[in-house]
Protein backbone atom coordinates (compact mmCIF):
# COMPACT_ATOMS: atom_id res chain seq x y z
CA THR A 1 -3.42 9.56 0.97
CA VAL A 2 -6.04 7.09 -0.26
CA SER A 3 -3.54 4.24 -0.62
CA VAL A 4 -2.02 4.89 2.83
CA THR A 5 -5.49 4.93 4.45
CA ILE A 6 -6.46 1.65 2.77
CA GLU A 7 -3.14 0.08 3.77
CA ILE A 8 -3.58 1.11 7.42
CA VAL A 9 -7.14 -0.28 7.58
CA LEU A 10 -6.29 -3.52 5.74
CA GLY A 11 -3.01 -4.05 7.60
CA THR A 12 -4.70 -3.59 10.99
CA ALA A 13 -7.58 -5.89 9.98
CA LEU A 14 -5.13 -8.58 8.84
CA ALA A 15 -3.17 -8.26 12.10
CA MET A 16 -6.40 -8.74 14.10
CA PHE A 17 -7.34 -11.74 11.94
CA PHE A 18 -3.96 -13.47 12.28
CA ASP A 19 -3.98 -12.81 16.03
CA MET A 20 -6.68 -15.51 16.24
CA ARG A 21 -3.86 -18.06 15.65
CA LEU A 22 -5.72 -20.26 13.20
CA LYS A 23 -4.14 -23.48 11.97
CA GLY A 24 -1.67 -22.84 9.14
CA SER A 25 -1.59 -19.09 9.75
CA ALA A 26 2.23 -19.04 9.96
CA ILE A 27 2.50 -20.26 6.35
CA VAL A 28 -0.09 -17.74 5.12
CA ARG A 29 1.72 -14.94 7.00
CA GLY A 30 4.93 -15.86 5.19
CA ILE A 31 3.20 -15.72 1.80
CA LEU A 32 1.45 -12.47 2.75
CA VAL A 33 4.70 -10.53 3.23
CA LEU A 34 6.21 -11.60 -0.11
CA PRO A 35 4.99 -8.56 -2.13
CA MET A 36 6.83 -6.23 0.24
CA LEU A 37 10.12 -8.01 -0.51
CA ILE A 38 9.97 -7.29 -4.26
CA THR A 39 11.66 -4.13 -5.55
CA PRO A 40 9.01 -1.51 -6.52
CA ILE A 41 10.40 -1.12 -10.07
CA VAL A 42 9.98 -4.88 -10.58
CA VAL A 43 6.46 -4.69 -9.13
CA GLY A 44 5.63 -1.90 -11.58
CA VAL A 45 6.92 -3.80 -14.63
CA MET A 46 5.26 -7.04 -13.46
CA TRP A 47 1.84 -5.41 -13.00
CA ARG A 48 2.20 -3.49 -16.28
CA ALA A 49 2.58 -6.85 -18.03
CA LEU A 50 -0.32 -8.42 -16.09
CA LEU A 51 -2.63 -5.47 -16.85
CA ASN A 52 -1.65 -5.03 -20.50
CA SER A 53 -4.82 -4.32 -22.50
CA ASP A 54 -3.75 -6.55 -25.45
CA TRP A 55 -2.12 -9.63 -23.91
CA GLY A 56 -2.28 -9.18 -20.12
CA LEU A 57 -3.25 -12.20 -18.03
CA ILE A 58 -5.78 -10.31 -15.89
CA ASN A 59 -7.66 -8.89 -18.88
CA TRP A 60 -7.67 -12.36 -20.46
CA MET A 61 -9.22 -13.83 -17.29
CA ILE A 62 -11.86 -11.06 -17.14
CA ALA A 63 -12.71 -11.68 -20.82
CA CYS A 64 -13.05 -15.43 -20.11
CA PHE A 65 -15.88 -14.61 -17.69
CA GLY A 66 -17.63 -12.62 -20.41
CA PHE A 67 -16.92 -9.12 -19.08
CA GLU A 68 -15.35 -6.20 -20.91
CA PRO A 69 -11.87 -5.71 -19.42
CA PRO A 70 -11.04 -2.13 -18.41
CA ASN A 71 -8.14 -0.17 -19.85
CA TRP A 72 -6.18 -0.24 -16.59
CA LEU A 73 -3.28 2.04 -17.54
CA GLY A 74 -4.57 3.70 -20.70
CA SER A 75 -7.45 5.75 -19.32
CA ILE A 76 -7.18 8.75 -17.01
CA GLU A 77 -10.05 7.43 -14.84
CA MET A 78 -8.45 4.02 -14.23
CA ALA A 79 -4.71 4.81 -14.12
CA MET A 80 -4.64 6.34 -10.62
CA LYS A 81 -6.99 3.65 -9.26
CA THR A 82 -4.69 0.99 -10.71
CA LEU A 83 -1.65 2.67 -9.16
CA ILE A 84 -3.40 2.74 -5.76
CA LEU A 85 -4.38 -0.93 -6.14
CA VAL A 86 -0.80 -2.00 -6.88
CA ASP A 87 0.60 0.17 -4.07
CA VAL A 88 -1.89 -1.35 -1.60
CA TRP A 89 -0.98 -4.85 -2.81
CA GLN A 90 2.72 -4.21 -2.19
CA TRP A 91 2.71 -2.21 1.06
CA THR A 92 -0.20 -3.53 3.14
CA PRO A 93 2.14 -6.29 4.45
CA PHE A 94 4.44 -3.58 5.87
CA VAL A 95 1.61 -2.16 7.98
CA PHE A 96 0.52 -5.69 8.89
CA ILE A 97 3.99 -6.62 10.22
CA ILE A 98 4.28 -3.51 12.41
CA VAL A 99 0.74 -3.76 13.84
CA PHE A 100 0.94 -7.54 14.27
CA ALA A 101 4.23 -7.27 16.16
CA ARG A 102 2.68 -4.70 18.53
CA LEU A 103 -0.42 -6.86 18.94
CA GLN A 104 1.69 -9.86 19.94
CA ALA A 105 3.44 -7.75 22.60
CA LEU A 106 0.20 -6.61 24.28
CA PRO A 107 -0.46 -8.05 27.76
CA ARG A 108 -3.14 -10.77 27.53
CA ASP A 109 -4.35 -10.28 31.11
CA VAL A 110 -5.92 -6.95 30.08
CA PHE A 111 -8.12 -8.76 27.55
CA GLU A 112 -9.06 -11.43 30.09
CA ALA A 113 -10.03 -8.75 32.63
CA ALA A 114 -12.21 -7.04 29.99
CA GLN A 115 -13.97 -10.34 29.22
CA ILE A 116 -14.58 -10.96 32.93
CA ASP A 117 -16.05 -7.44 33.21
CA GLY A 118 -18.47 -8.35 30.42
CA ALA A 119 -16.97 -6.37 27.55
CA GLY A 120 -17.85 -7.77 24.13
CA TYR A 121 -15.42 -8.12 21.25
CA PHE A 122 -16.17 -4.72 19.71
CA GLY A 123 -16.07 -3.00 23.10
CA THR A 124 -12.71 -4.61 23.87
CA PHE A 125 -11.38 -3.63 20.44
CA HIS A 126 -12.62 -0.04 20.63
CA HIS A 127 -11.65 0.74 24.23
CA ILE A 128 -8.59 -1.46 24.85
CA ILE A 129 -6.97 -2.96 21.75
CA LEU A 130 -7.17 0.06 19.41
CA PRO A 131 -5.72 2.59 21.92
CA LEU A 132 -2.88 0.17 22.71
CA LEU A 133 -2.22 -0.37 18.98
CA MET A 134 -2.36 3.34 18.10
CA PRO A 135 1.41 4.02 18.52
CA ALA A 136 2.25 1.21 16.08
CA ILE A 137 -0.47 2.34 13.64
CA LEU A 138 0.84 5.93 13.74
CA ILE A 139 4.42 4.79 13.10
CA ALA A 140 3.28 2.69 10.14
CA ALA A 141 1.16 5.58 8.81
CA VAL A 142 4.07 8.06 9.02
CA PHE A 143 6.49 5.69 7.29
CA ARG A 144 3.99 4.90 4.53
CA ALA A 145 2.96 8.55 4.06
CA VAL A 146 6.59 9.65 3.61
CA ASP A 147 7.27 6.74 1.26
CA ALA A 148 4.12 7.41 -0.79
CA PHE A 149 4.94 11.13 -1.02
CA ARG A 150 8.34 10.42 -2.58
CA SER A 151 7.09 7.51 -4.72
CA PHE A 152 9.01 7.20 -7.98
CA ASP A 153 10.07 3.67 -8.92
CA LEU A 154 6.59 2.11 -8.93
CA ILE A 155 5.31 4.89 -11.21
CA TYR A 156 8.36 4.60 -13.46
CA GLY A 157 7.77 0.87 -13.91
CA LEU A 158 3.97 0.87 -14.05
CA SER A 159 2.61 3.93 -15.84
CA TYR A 160 5.53 6.31 -16.53
CA GLY A 161 3.43 9.15 -15.15
CA GLY A 162 0.68 8.81 -17.75
CA PRO A 163 -1.75 8.97 -19.29
CA ALA A 164 -1.79 12.80 -19.51
CA ARG A 165 0.26 13.09 -16.26
CA SER A 166 -2.60 11.53 -14.27
CA THR A 167 -0.14 9.43 -12.20
CA THR A 168 2.78 11.90 -12.09
CA THR A 169 4.14 12.53 -8.59
CA LEU A 170 6.56 15.29 -7.58
CA SER A 171 9.47 12.83 -7.63
CA PHE A 172 8.65 11.70 -11.13
CA PHE A 173 8.02 15.29 -12.27
CA SER A 174 11.44 16.28 -10.93
CA PHE A 175 13.03 13.33 -12.75
CA GLN A 176 11.34 14.27 -16.03
CA ASN A 177 12.41 17.91 -15.80
CA GLY A 178 15.98 17.03 -14.93
CA PHE A 179 16.71 14.04 -17.17
CA GLN A 180 14.25 14.40 -20.06
CA PHE A 181 13.74 18.14 -20.53
CA GLN A 182 17.13 19.27 -19.09
CA ASN A 183 15.41 21.83 -16.82
CA TYR A 184 17.94 21.20 -14.05
CA GLY A 185 17.12 24.27 -11.97
CA TYR A 186 13.37 23.50 -12.01
CA ALA A 187 14.04 19.85 -11.12
CA ALA A 188 16.30 20.90 -8.23
CA ALA A 189 13.67 23.39 -6.98
CA ILE A 190 11.03 20.61 -6.92
CA ALA A 191 13.45 18.33 -5.03
CA TYR A 192 14.24 21.05 -2.44
CA MET A 193 10.53 21.79 -1.93
CA MET A 194 9.86 18.08 -1.42
CA LEU A 195 12.63 17.99 1.19
CA LEU A 196 11.14 20.97 3.03
CA ILE A 197 7.63 19.44 2.98
CA LEU A 198 8.93 16.11 4.25
């Protein structure tokens, strides 16, 4: 829920920013969507290497600035936050694309009429732009919520459900019961319950 909320807010903010049509924004937009194109299992393994407490590049950079690097995936307090951070990094572009496409399709004469009537930027955003964007935001939120609920591959590659099951989702729990502990009936029951919830 936290990661989906952050992705919706960030994706909408990025769409509003790139709607200003700044010079070079097309190139930056292309770079921005790259994380979404990488397979989640690869993203998990890549970030696990970057955040490794012994030889990870990010911890090395933090240590170069004289700070104590956190144990990203080894502590219960940090593991879920790290998982959320990586999920936001990968899937904010998805929300951005949907909201930005809707924003480009909005009629510009409505905005011009609001400016003529004396509406400021925040008034225009709150009363005109946001209500018109809401269908696209809701579609993006539903897609991301369903995808986050059944998340498996990112967790498999990044944290393997640990430490102490702090990042275990229902999908991963079902996988562990079926393929590690051979509790096939329990794994199937979890999968059926997930299907009913979805």
